[in-house]
Protein backbone atom coordinates (compact mmCIF):
# COMPACT_ATOMS: atom_id res chain seq x y z
CA MET A 1 181.82 86.59 56.35
CA VAL A 2 180.65 88.56 53.36
CA ASN A 3 183.21 90.79 51.67
CA LYS A 4 180.88 92.66 49.35
CA LEU A 5 177.38 93.48 50.46
CA ASN A 6 174.79 92.69 47.85
CA LEU A 7 171.71 94.55 49.08
CA SER A 8 168.57 94.99 47.06
CA PRO A 9 165.29 96.70 48.01
CA LEU A 10 162.24 94.54 48.62
CA LYS A 11 159.48 95.62 46.24
CA GLY A 12 155.81 94.85 45.84
CA PHE A 13 152.88 94.51 48.20
CA ASN A 14 152.82 90.70 47.94
CA SER A 15 156.51 90.48 48.85
CA PHE A 16 155.92 92.50 52.00
CA GLN A 17 152.89 90.36 52.89
CA THR A 18 154.95 87.17 52.46
CA VAL A 19 157.67 88.48 54.77
CA PHE A 20 155.08 89.54 57.35
CA LYS A 21 153.54 86.07 57.21
CA PHE A 22 156.66 83.89 57.32
CA GLY A 23 159.29 86.11 58.95
CA SER A 24 160.24 86.18 62.60
CA SER A 25 159.83 89.52 64.36
CA PHE A 26 162.27 91.12 66.75
CA TYR A 27 161.65 94.42 68.54
CA SER A 28 164.44 96.66 69.81
CA GLU A 29 163.66 100.15 71.13
CA ASN A 30 162.37 102.19 68.17
CA VAL A 31 162.81 99.51 65.51
CA LEU A 32 160.78 96.43 64.61
CA LEU A 33 162.72 93.88 62.56
CA ILE A 34 161.00 91.15 60.61
CA ILE A 35 163.64 88.78 59.32
CA CYS A 36 163.65 85.73 57.08
CA ASN A 37 166.88 83.77 57.43
CA LYS A 38 168.39 81.50 54.81
CA SER A 39 166.62 78.62 56.59
CA CYS A 40 163.23 80.32 56.04
CA ASN A 41 161.64 78.67 53.03
CA ILE A 42 159.93 81.54 51.21
CA SER A 43 159.87 82.21 47.50
CA LEU A 44 160.06 85.73 46.15
CA LYS A 45 160.61 86.71 42.52
CA GLN A 46 163.57 88.86 43.51
CA LEU A 47 165.40 85.94 45.17
CA THR A 48 165.44 83.68 42.11
CA ASN A 49 168.20 85.60 40.33
CA SER A 50 170.94 85.30 42.94
CA SER A 51 171.28 83.42 46.19
CA ASN A 52 173.67 85.87 47.87
CA ILE A 53 171.36 88.90 47.71
CA ILE A 54 170.01 90.32 50.95
CA LEU A 55 166.64 91.96 50.37
CA TYR A 56 165.62 94.79 52.66
CA GLY A 57 162.31 96.54 53.11
CA ILE A 58 161.72 99.84 54.88
CA SER A 59 158.49 101.11 56.39
CA ALA A 60 157.38 104.18 58.32
CA PRO A 61 153.73 103.85 59.37
CA LYS A 62 151.28 106.47 58.17
CA ARG A 63 149.38 106.16 61.43
CA LYS A 64 152.37 107.52 63.33
CA PHE A 65 153.85 109.93 60.76
CA LYS A 66 151.04 111.83 59.05
CA LYS A 67 153.05 113.80 56.49
CA ALA A 68 154.55 112.01 53.50
CA VAL A 69 157.59 114.30 53.61
CA VAL A 70 158.46 113.04 57.10
CA ARG A 71 157.83 109.38 56.19
CA ASN A 72 160.04 109.67 53.10
CA ARG A 73 162.84 111.31 55.07
CA ILE A 74 162.73 108.56 57.69
CA LYS A 75 162.83 105.93 54.96
CA ARG A 76 165.81 107.61 53.25
CA LEU A 77 167.68 107.74 56.56
CA MET A 78 166.86 104.10 57.27
CA ARG A 79 168.16 103.01 53.84
CA VAL A 80 171.48 104.71 54.49
CA SER A 81 171.74 103.37 58.02
CA ILE A 82 170.95 99.76 57.08
CA ARG A 83 173.76 99.79 54.51
CA GLN A 84 176.22 101.33 57.00
CA SER A 85 175.15 99.00 59.81
CA LEU A 86 175.42 95.84 57.72
CA GLU A 87 178.84 96.89 56.41
CA GLU A 88 180.05 97.41 59.98
CA LEU A 89 178.47 94.21 61.30
CA SER A 90 179.84 92.13 58.42
CA LYS A 91 183.32 92.65 59.86
CA PHE A 92 182.39 90.76 63.02
CA TYR A 93 179.36 88.60 62.19
CA ASP A 94 178.26 86.33 59.40
CA ILE A 95 175.46 88.39 57.89
CA ALA A 96 175.02 85.87 55.09
CA ILE A 97 172.34 84.24 57.26
CA PHE A 98 169.95 87.02 56.24
CA LYS A 99 167.63 86.44 53.31
CA VAL A 100 165.14 89.29 53.84
CA ILE A 101 165.20 92.13 56.39
CA LEU A 102 162.12 94.27 56.90
CA ILE A 103 162.59 97.31 59.16
CA ILE A 104 159.67 99.27 60.55
CA TRP A 105 160.43 102.54 62.35
CA GLN A 106 158.44 102.80 65.59
CA GLY A 107 160.14 105.93 66.95
CA PRO A 108 158.45 108.98 68.43
CA SER A 109 156.07 111.03 66.29
CA ILE A 110 157.72 113.79 64.29
CA LYS A 111 155.91 116.76 62.79
CA LYS A 112 158.58 118.30 60.57
CA GLN A 113 161.17 116.67 58.36
CA ASN A 114 164.07 118.68 59.79
CA GLN A 115 163.49 117.21 63.25
CA ILE A 116 165.15 113.87 62.47
CA TYR A 117 168.72 113.17 61.36
CA LEU A 118 170.88 110.16 60.55
CA ASN A 119 172.29 110.23 64.09
CA ASP A 120 168.75 109.70 65.39
CA VAL A 121 168.08 106.62 63.25
CA GLU A 122 171.36 104.78 62.65
CA PRO A 123 172.20 103.74 66.25
CA TYR A 124 168.79 102.11 66.72
CA ILE A 125 169.04 100.09 63.52
CA PHE A 126 172.62 99.08 64.27
CA LYS A 127 171.69 98.02 67.79
CA ALA A 128 168.63 96.06 66.63
CA LEU A 129 170.60 94.16 63.97
CA LYS A 130 173.46 93.52 66.39
CA ASN A 131 171.10 92.20 69.07
CA TYR A 132 169.42 89.92 66.55
CA LEU A 133 172.75 88.55 65.35
CA GLU A 134 173.96 88.00 68.91
CA LYS A 135 170.82 86.06 69.80
CA ASN A 136 170.90 83.90 66.69
CA GLN A 137 174.55 83.04 66.18
CA ILE A 138 177.79 82.60 68.06
CA THR A 139 180.68 84.97 67.44
CA ASP A 140 184.18 85.42 68.82
CA GLU A 141 184.24 87.32 72.12
CA LYS A 142 187.32 89.28 71.06
CA PHE A 143 185.21 91.20 68.51
CA THR A 144 182.16 92.02 70.61
CA ASP A 145 183.85 94.71 72.69
CA LYS A 146 184.95 96.60 69.54
CA ILE A 147 181.39 97.17 68.31
CA TYR A 148 179.85 100.41 69.63
């Protein structure tokens, strides 16, 4: 289990393309996860500095959310919720298996920025990450009933 989360944003078009190409995708309700585990053999410039960094990328498609203000708000909320979700999940799961996490918001279309809040985003991201971890690793049953 990881005591201190070492999260860093994924940057650059080529980095995103590499994750799209080599990552495994997992869909859960309004969230599409594309994840590269430690076993995934990809090379990114950002990973050469430290091996315990988890890179995360956030995306809100322009096709679905026309206004940049709305896309930016969704991305801000997703950044906060991924940090909170990984902190909570690190208590019960070994999140060190993650190398790169790319999250794409597929939720309903929103016209105004004040129509979406952290409570609308965070449960979906938490649930998607939890479902992925449950499918890909074994954990103690005594902890699973304490999560949400």
